[in-house]
Protein backbone atom coordinates (compact mmCIF):
# COMPACT_ATOMS: atom_id res chain seq x y z
CA UNK A 1 78.09 24.91 -44.22
CA UNK A 2 78.82 21.24 -44.89
CA UNK A 3 76.38 18.40 -44.24
CA UNK A 4 78.51 17.36 -41.27
CA UNK A 5 78.23 20.86 -39.77
CA UNK A 6 74.44 20.61 -39.83
CA UNK A 7 74.23 17.21 -38.11
CA UNK A 8 74.13 18.47 -34.49
CA UNK A 9 71.40 20.96 -35.40
CA UNK A 10 69.25 18.30 -37.09
CA UNK A 11 69.72 15.90 -34.18
CA UNK A 12 68.66 18.63 -31.76
CA UNK A 13 65.55 19.24 -33.86
CA UNK A 14 64.76 15.52 -33.84
CA UNK A 15 65.17 15.41 -30.05
CA UNK A 16 62.80 18.35 -29.70
CA UNK A 17 60.36 16.71 -32.11
CA UNK A 18 60.40 13.52 -30.05
CA UNK A 19 59.56 15.43 -26.89
CA UNK A 20 56.73 17.42 -28.46
CA UNK A 21 55.23 15.08 -31.06
CA UNK A 22 56.03 11.46 -30.23
CA UNK A 23 52.73 10.74 -28.44
CA UNK A 24 50.77 12.18 -31.37
CA UNK A 25 52.66 9.96 -33.79
CA UNK A 26 52.24 7.00 -31.47
CA UNK A 27 48.47 7.50 -31.22
CA UNK A 28 48.13 7.34 -35.00
CA UNK A 29 50.34 4.27 -35.22
CA UNK A 30 48.15 2.49 -32.64
CA UNK A 31 45.11 3.09 -34.85
CA UNK A 32 46.87 1.99 -38.02
CA UNK A 33 48.60 -1.07 -36.61
CA UNK A 34 45.90 -2.18 -34.15
CA UNK A 35 48.52 -3.06 -31.56
CA UNK A 36 50.02 -0.97 -28.74
CA UNK A 37 53.37 -2.76 -28.57
CA UNK A 38 53.82 -2.84 -32.35
CA UNK A 39 53.06 0.89 -32.48
CA UNK A 40 55.66 1.58 -29.77
CA UNK A 41 58.27 -0.36 -31.71
CA UNK A 42 57.30 1.40 -34.94
CA UNK A 43 57.60 4.79 -33.24
CA UNK A 44 61.17 4.13 -32.18
CA UNK A 45 62.03 2.66 -35.58
CA UNK A 46 60.74 5.82 -37.25
CA UNK A 47 62.84 8.11 -35.07
CA UNK A 48 65.91 5.93 -35.61
CA UNK A 49 65.34 6.25 -39.34
CA UNK A 50 65.02 10.02 -38.96
CA UNK A 51 68.36 10.16 -37.13
CA UNK A 52 69.95 8.23 -39.98
CA UNK A 53 68.34 9.99 -42.96
CA UNK A 54 67.52 13.58 -42.03
CA UNK A 55 71.11 14.75 -41.40
CA UNK A 56 71.93 13.59 -44.96
CA UNK A 57 68.71 14.41 -46.79
CA UNK A 58 67.30 17.27 -44.74
CA UNK A 59 64.12 17.37 -42.70
CA UNK A 60 60.90 16.63 -44.62
CA UNK A 61 58.25 19.31 -45.09
CA UNK A 62 55.90 17.48 -42.73
CA UNK A 63 57.99 15.63 -40.12
CA UNK A 64 55.04 14.11 -38.27
CA UNK A 65 53.51 12.61 -41.42
CA UNK A 66 56.94 11.27 -42.42
CA UNK A 67 57.36 9.61 -39.03
CA UNK A 68 53.89 8.06 -39.17
CA UNK A 69 54.41 6.75 -42.69
CA UNK A 70 57.90 5.45 -41.98
CA UNK A 71 56.89 3.79 -38.73
CA UNK A 72 53.90 2.15 -40.34
CA UNK A 73 55.79 0.67 -43.27
CA UNK A 74 58.68 -0.51 -41.09
CA UNK A 75 56.13 -2.32 -38.92
CA UNK A 76 54.47 -3.90 -41.96
CA UNK A 77 57.84 -5.02 -43.30
CA UNK A 78 58.59 -6.64 -39.97
CA UNK A 79 55.22 -8.36 -39.90
CA UNK A 80 55.76 -9.66 -43.42
CA UNK A 81 59.09 -11.12 -42.39
CA UNK A 82 57.33 -12.88 -39.55
CA UNK A 83 54.64 -14.06 -41.96
CA UNK A 84 51.83 -12.64 -39.86
CA UNK A 85 50.27 -10.58 -42.66
CA UNK A 86 50.23 -10.99 -46.43
CA UNK A 87 49.88 -7.48 -47.77
CA UNK A 88 49.88 -3.79 -47.06
CA UNK A 89 46.13 -3.74 -47.64
CA UNK A 90 45.61 -5.36 -44.23
CA UNK A 91 46.10 -1.87 -42.79
CA UNK A 92 44.22 1.40 -43.16
CA UNK A 93 45.76 4.16 -45.25
CA UNK A 94 48.06 6.63 -43.54
CA UNK A 95 49.12 10.08 -44.77
CA UNK A 96 52.60 10.34 -46.24
CA UNK A 97 54.58 13.11 -47.85
CA UNK A 98 52.17 13.26 -50.80
CA UNK A 99 49.14 13.87 -48.56
CA UNK A 100 47.93 17.23 -47.36
CA UNK A 101 49.89 18.33 -44.29
CA UNK A 102 46.76 19.90 -42.81
CA UNK A 103 44.79 16.68 -43.21
CA UNK A 104 47.61 14.71 -41.64
CA UNK A 105 47.70 17.06 -38.66
CA UNK A 106 43.94 16.79 -38.21
CA UNK A 107 44.12 13.00 -38.27
CA UNK A 108 46.88 12.98 -35.69
CA UNK A 109 44.96 15.31 -33.36
CA UNK A 110 41.88 13.08 -33.64
CA UNK A 111 44.01 10.04 -32.88
CA UNK A 112 45.11 11.42 -29.54
CA UNK A 113 41.46 11.68 -28.54
CA UNK A 114 40.77 8.18 -29.84
CA UNK A 115 43.63 6.84 -27.75
CA UNK A 116 42.24 8.40 -24.57
CA UNK A 117 38.80 6.89 -25.12
CA UNK A 118 40.31 3.49 -25.95
CA UNK A 119 42.40 3.42 -22.78
CA UNK A 120 39.32 4.39 -20.75
CA UNK A 121 36.95 1.91 -22.41
CA UNK A 122 34.26 0.60 -19.99
CA UNK A 123 35.19 -3.01 -20.83
CA UNK A 124 38.42 -2.46 -18.86
CA UNK A 125 38.58 -2.42 -15.07
CA UNK A 126 39.05 0.99 -13.40
CA UNK A 127 42.59 0.08 -12.30
CA UNK A 128 43.44 -0.97 -15.85
CA UNK A 129 41.98 2.25 -17.28
CA UNK A 130 44.21 4.36 -15.04
CA UNK A 131 47.34 2.29 -15.65
CA UNK A 132 46.85 2.12 -19.42
CA UNK A 133 46.13 5.85 -19.70
CA UNK A 134 49.28 6.75 -17.78
CA UNK A 135 51.37 4.31 -19.82
CA UNK A 136 50.02 4.89 -23.33
CA UNK A 137 48.72 8.46 -23.30
CA UNK A 138 51.12 10.02 -20.81
CA UNK A 139 54.15 7.82 -21.62
CA UNK A 140 55.01 7.12 -17.98
CA UNK A 141 57.07 4.00 -17.53
CA UNK A 142 55.65 0.94 -15.82
CA UNK A 143 58.10 1.50 -12.96
CA UNK A 144 56.97 5.11 -12.49
CA UNK A 145 53.29 4.11 -12.37
CA UNK A 146 54.02 1.25 -9.97
CA UNK A 147 55.98 3.58 -7.71
CA UNK A 148 53.19 6.15 -7.66
CA UNK A 149 50.52 3.61 -6.70
CA UNK A 150 52.77 1.52 -4.40
CA UNK A 151 52.17 -1.54 -6.56
CA UNK A 152 54.85 -4.11 -7.45
CA UNK A 153 56.11 -3.37 -10.95
CA UNK A 154 55.45 -6.92 -12.22
CA UNK A 155 51.84 -6.69 -10.98
CA UNK A 156 51.38 -3.35 -12.72
CA UNK A 157 52.98 -4.68 -15.90
CA UNK A 158 50.62 -7.65 -15.97
CA UNK A 159 47.66 -5.31 -15.49
CA UNK A 160 48.72 -3.34 -18.56
CA UNK A 161 49.36 -6.51 -20.60
CA UNK A 162 45.91 -7.87 -19.75
CA UNK A 163 44.27 -4.55 -20.66
CA UNK A 164 45.98 -4.51 -24.07
CA UNK A 165 44.97 -8.13 -24.65
CA UNK A 166 41.37 -7.28 -23.75
CA UNK A 167 41.34 -4.45 -26.29
CA UNK A 168 42.77 -6.74 -28.96
CA UNK A 169 40.71 -9.84 -28.25
CA UNK A 170 37.42 -8.00 -27.74
CA UNK A 171 38.11 -5.92 -30.86
CA UNK A 172 37.43 -2.75 -28.93
CA UNK A 173 37.11 0.00 -31.57
CA UNK A 174 39.74 2.67 -31.66
CA UNK A 175 37.40 5.62 -32.02
CA UNK A 176 35.70 8.54 -30.34
CA UNK A 177 32.19 7.43 -29.31
CA UNK A 178 29.24 8.81 -31.22
CA UNK A 179 26.89 11.42 -29.80
CA UNK A 180 24.62 8.89 -28.09
CA UNK A 181 27.48 7.24 -26.21
CA UNK A 182 29.61 10.31 -25.62
CA UNK A 183 28.17 11.51 -22.26
CA UNK A 184 28.64 8.13 -20.56
CA UNK A 185 32.03 7.47 -22.13
CA UNK A 186 33.25 10.99 -21.39
CA UNK A 187 32.27 10.58 -17.73
CA UNK A 188 34.60 7.56 -17.52
CA UNK A 189 37.47 9.52 -19.07
CA UNK A 190 36.90 12.39 -16.64
CA UNK A 191 36.77 9.97 -13.70
CA UNK A 192 40.09 8.41 -14.73
CA UNK A 193 41.76 11.81 -15.04
CA UNK A 194 40.42 12.89 -11.64
CA UNK A 195 41.56 9.62 -10.04
CA UNK A 196 45.07 10.30 -11.34
CA UNK A 197 44.91 13.85 -10.01
CA UNK A 198 43.68 12.82 -6.58
CA UNK A 199 46.35 10.15 -6.26
CA UNK A 200 48.93 12.81 -6.94
CA UNK A 201 47.29 15.46 -4.77
CA UNK A 202 46.90 13.15 -1.79
CA UNK A 203 49.72 12.41 0.60
CA UNK A 204 48.87 8.72 0.66
CA UNK A 205 51.41 7.20 -1.67
CA UNK A 206 54.76 7.45 -3.31
CA UNK A 207 57.52 10.05 -2.95
CA UNK A 208 56.39 13.68 -2.96
CA UNK A 209 57.97 14.31 -6.38
CA UNK A 210 56.07 11.44 -7.99
CA UNK A 211 52.80 12.57 -6.42
CA UNK A 212 53.31 16.06 -7.84
CA UNK A 213 54.14 14.58 -11.22
CA UNK A 214 50.84 12.66 -11.23
CA UNK A 215 48.87 15.82 -10.46
CA UNK A 216 50.71 17.70 -13.19
CA UNK A 217 50.10 14.82 -15.60
CA UNK A 218 46.37 14.82 -14.81
CA UNK A 219 46.21 18.57 -15.45
CA UNK A 220 48.06 18.07 -18.72
CA UNK A 221 45.54 15.39 -19.69
CA UNK A 222 42.72 17.72 -18.71
CA UNK A 223 44.14 20.46 -20.93
CA UNK A 224 44.51 18.02 -23.81
CA UNK A 225 40.91 16.87 -23.44
CA UNK A 226 39.60 20.44 -23.34
CA UNK A 227 41.68 21.26 -26.43
CA UNK A 228 40.35 18.27 -28.39
CA UNK A 229 36.84 17.98 -26.94
CA UNK A 230 35.81 21.21 -25.15
CA UNK A 231 32.72 19.79 -23.44
CA UNK A 232 31.54 21.83 -20.42
CA UNK A 233 32.32 19.09 -17.88
CA UNK A 234 35.82 18.62 -19.28
CA UNK A 235 36.29 22.36 -18.79
CA UNK A 236 34.83 22.07 -15.29
CA UNK A 237 37.19 19.26 -14.32
CA UNK A 238 40.22 21.19 -15.53
CA UNK A 239 39.03 24.16 -13.46
CA UNK A 240 38.58 21.97 -10.39
CA UNK A 241 42.07 20.48 -10.67
CA UNK A 242 43.69 23.88 -11.18
CA UNK A 243 41.90 25.38 -8.18
CA UNK A 244 42.89 22.49 -5.92
CA UNK A 245 46.45 22.53 -7.25
CA UNK A 246 46.70 26.27 -6.54
CA UNK A 247 46.69 25.50 -2.79
CA UNK A 248 49.35 22.79 -2.87
CA UNK A 249 52.10 24.96 -1.41
CA UNK A 250 50.00 25.90 1.62
CA UNK A 251 48.10 22.72 2.51
CA UNK A 252 50.91 21.04 4.46
CA UNK A 253 53.52 22.36 6.87
CA UNK A 254 57.28 22.03 6.48
CA UNK A 255 57.05 18.82 8.53
CA UNK A 256 54.30 17.37 6.31
CA UNK A 257 51.41 18.02 8.69
CA UNK A 258 47.99 19.03 7.39
CA UNK A 259 47.09 22.71 7.41
CA UNK A 260 43.32 23.24 7.28
CA UNK A 261 41.91 25.50 4.59
CA UNK A 262 41.02 28.25 7.05
CA UNK A 263 44.55 28.28 8.48
CA UNK A 264 46.44 28.28 5.21
CA UNK A 265 48.72 31.17 4.27
CA UNK A 266 46.91 32.51 1.25
CA UNK A 267 49.93 34.33 -0.09
CA UNK A 268 51.31 30.88 -0.92
CA UNK A 269 48.36 30.09 -3.17
CA UNK A 270 49.10 30.14 -6.90
CA UNK A 271 47.18 33.15 -8.19
CA UNK A 272 47.62 32.37 -11.89
CA UNK A 273 46.07 28.92 -11.40
CA UNK A 274 43.22 30.49 -9.40
CA UNK A 275 42.55 33.05 -12.13
CA UNK A 276 42.62 30.43 -14.88
CA UNK A 277 40.46 28.00 -12.90
CA UNK A 278 37.93 30.70 -12.05
CA UNK A 279 37.64 31.76 -15.69
CA UNK A 280 37.09 28.12 -16.72
CA UNK A 281 34.35 27.77 -14.11
CA UNK A 282 32.52 30.74 -15.57
CA UNK A 283 32.96 29.35 -19.08
CA UNK A 284 31.40 26.03 -18.09
CA UNK A 285 28.59 27.61 -16.09
CA UNK A 286 27.64 29.87 -19.00
CA UNK A 287 27.10 26.79 -21.17
CA UNK A 288 24.14 25.73 -19.03
CA UNK A 289 25.20 22.08 -19.62
CA UNK A 290 27.55 21.61 -16.69
CA UNK A 291 27.65 18.82 -14.13
CA UNK A 292 29.17 17.86 -10.78
CA UNK A 293 32.79 18.74 -11.61
CA UNK A 294 31.83 22.28 -12.59
CA UNK A 295 29.80 22.84 -9.42
CA UNK A 296 32.64 21.49 -7.27
CA UNK A 297 34.98 23.83 -9.13
CA UNK A 298 32.60 26.75 -8.44
CA UNK A 299 32.75 25.92 -4.72
CA UNK A 300 36.56 25.78 -4.87
CA UNK A 301 36.56 29.15 -6.67
CA UNK A 302 34.55 30.79 -3.88
CA UNK A 303 37.17 29.61 -1.37
CA UNK A 304 40.06 30.59 -3.62
CA UNK A 305 38.82 34.11 -4.28
CA UNK A 306 37.96 34.97 -0.67
CA UNK A 307 40.43 37.49 0.73
CA UNK A 308 40.51 35.61 4.03
CA UNK A 309 38.85 32.65 5.73
CA UNK A 310 36.53 35.07 7.54
CA UNK A 311 35.51 36.68 4.24
CA UNK A 312 34.35 33.36 2.72
CA UNK A 313 30.80 33.56 1.39
CA UNK A 314 29.36 30.50 3.13
CA UNK A 315 25.85 31.31 1.99
CA UNK A 316 26.96 30.99 -1.64
CA UNK A 317 28.80 27.77 -0.87
CA UNK A 318 25.73 26.24 0.79
CA UNK A 319 23.69 27.23 -2.27
CA UNK A 320 26.22 25.55 -4.56
CA UNK A 321 26.08 22.39 -2.44
CA UNK A 322 22.29 22.48 -2.77
CA UNK A 323 22.78 22.57 -6.54
CA UNK A 324 25.37 19.78 -6.37
CA UNK A 325 22.94 17.57 -4.45
CA UNK A 326 20.50 17.80 -7.35
CA UNK A 327 23.24 16.38 -9.61
CA UNK A 328 24.96 13.99 -7.19
CA UNK A 329 22.72 13.01 -4.29
CA UNK A 330 25.44 11.26 -2.32
CA UNK A 331 26.14 11.11 1.44
CA UNK A 332 29.60 12.62 0.91
CA UNK A 333 28.13 15.70 -0.79
CA UNK A 334 25.54 15.89 2.01
CA UNK A 335 28.37 15.75 4.56
CA UNK A 336 30.28 18.54 2.85
CA UNK A 337 27.12 20.63 2.75
CA UNK A 338 26.66 20.04 6.51
CA UNK A 339 30.15 21.42 7.16
CA UNK A 340 29.30 24.51 5.10
CA UNK A 341 26.01 24.92 6.98
CA UNK A 342 27.94 24.73 10.26
CA UNK A 343 30.19 27.54 9.09
CA UNK A 344 27.18 29.63 8.10
CA UNK A 345 24.63 28.83 10.81
CA UNK A 346 26.68 27.35 13.63
CA UNK A 347 27.98 23.96 14.68
CA UNK A 348 24.64 22.76 16.07
CA UNK A 349 22.98 23.09 12.65
CA UNK A 350 25.71 21.09 10.97
CA UNK A 351 25.71 18.41 13.67
CA UNK A 352 22.02 17.66 13.09
CA UNK A 353 22.70 16.73 9.46
CA UNK A 354 25.83 14.71 10.23
CA UNK A 355 24.04 12.71 12.92
CA UNK A 356 21.20 12.03 10.47
CA UNK A 357 23.66 10.73 7.87
CA UNK A 358 25.36 8.43 10.37
CA UNK A 359 22.01 7.26 11.80
CA UNK A 360 21.01 6.07 8.32
CA UNK A 361 24.10 3.88 8.26
CA UNK A 362 25.76 6.00 5.59
CA UNK A 363 29.45 6.86 5.98
CA UNK A 364 29.86 4.83 9.19
CA UNK A 365 33.31 3.74 7.98
CA UNK A 366 34.26 7.10 6.48
CA UNK A 367 36.77 8.78 8.77
CA UNK A 368 36.00 12.30 7.55
CA UNK A 369 32.37 11.98 8.70
CA UNK A 370 33.49 11.19 12.25
CA UNK A 371 36.19 13.88 12.12
CA UNK A 372 33.60 16.46 11.05
CA UNK A 373 31.24 15.33 13.82
CA UNK A 374 34.08 15.58 16.33
CA UNK A 375 34.81 19.14 15.24
CA UNK A 376 31.16 20.14 15.68
CA UNK A 377 31.08 18.63 19.16
CA UNK A 378 34.36 20.32 20.07
CA UNK A 379 33.01 23.70 18.98
CA UNK A 380 29.88 23.10 21.06
CA UNK A 381 31.93 22.21 24.13
CA UNK A 382 30.85 18.55 24.22
CA UNK A 383 34.32 17.16 24.97
CA UNK A 384 33.24 13.55 25.60
CA UNK A 385 31.40 13.27 22.28
CA UNK A 386 34.25 15.02 20.47
CA UNK A 387 36.76 12.57 21.93
CA UNK A 388 34.68 9.55 20.94
CA UNK A 389 34.30 10.79 17.35
CA UNK A 390 37.98 11.72 17.02
CA UNK A 391 38.95 8.26 18.26
CA UNK A 392 36.57 6.64 15.78
CA UNK A 393 38.04 8.74 12.96
CA UNK A 394 41.60 7.90 14.04
CA UNK A 395 40.77 4.19 13.99
CA UNK A 396 39.54 4.45 10.39
CA UNK A 397 42.14 6.77 8.86
CA UNK A 398 44.97 5.33 6.77
CA UNK A 399 47.06 8.33 5.84
CA UNK A 400 49.74 9.28 8.33
CA UNK A 401 49.36 13.08 8.03
CA UNK A 402 45.63 12.80 8.77
CA UNK A 403 46.34 10.42 11.64
CA UNK A 404 48.79 12.90 13.17
CA UNK A 405 46.22 15.68 12.78
CA UNK A 406 43.55 13.67 14.62
CA UNK A 407 45.97 12.76 17.40
CA UNK A 408 46.77 16.47 17.84
CA UNK A 409 43.06 17.23 18.08
CA UNK A 410 42.66 14.56 20.75
CA UNK A 411 45.60 15.97 22.70
CA UNK A 412 44.08 19.47 22.54
CA UNK A 413 40.91 18.17 24.19
CA UNK A 414 42.95 17.20 27.24
CA UNK A 415 44.94 20.43 27.35
């Protein structure tokens, strides 16, 4: 076979390598070059060089290390030409073909984790953390992120630019936090991933395809985090996302209307995601070092593994909410527990707790609190109170599917 005959095969291998390895290479280049945009340029320069050289010279023994080394030195050459740096020594060492392939791989894996923690640094605003993570870790385009969050692309672009400038100017370290900082920093990373998931899972923004892509991207991030840093709460969050995602095909009707959990067609639930999520829940629980995400995932697993709505073990769910309240003593958790109590002990028992929450002034502007209260009153036959609470919920809701659901409930009261 001539060299020319092998060119299409090598190009196909380079394309596959770009799809599977480019973000790993990019993460290392960010650390070595201390600049997101310079690393992005270096990444593309390295792959262009591969397209030029590998068909002639053959693929190197360690393609990733070659790409990192080539990208780094092309960036340094460019900086020298622009007279911004004086010498190679201004940068940290990077593995090249003479280094151990195993060591190079380990460094690259560590760099992906460093990139996640850098993008989720507490010095950045929550919106910036989400945008930067999607752009730099997940490689979504600015336009895709803007579309998903219904934000003008120029606004989103400026948010990302400011976040990068903050990292550069504040000299935010590109590293995994030490053991003392890890719990707090990890909680921020988990929150960012869950925010991305919820934006995709909700029907509030963007085309359906983009919303699904965001959920899938969050799950991919969750898997990556568990692979690189298998902390119990990272495992618990991945379980929670998988268990929620398993119900996607059943939670809305063909017309986009909400289908309540108890009314969903369970044959549409994704059993492989339920099995994986349930196993991850048990793994996290066995550690004895779990937190709120794991307990929420355990609640979701009880629902997911019930053969029918009537077979749901509400006593276990109430117990799990009791445990969750010891970790996260929030009015929203208290509200969810009240709904579970109502399913176990009757609507009157749940209504007492919901009225107490609202009487304290908590959740007065939270539409789900009023919707839950309305449902309790409806079940108890108190039509006037149910109508008032449904109307209050409808006035607060922003999502059209939920608004349509509440209007249907109001119409049923008059039927």
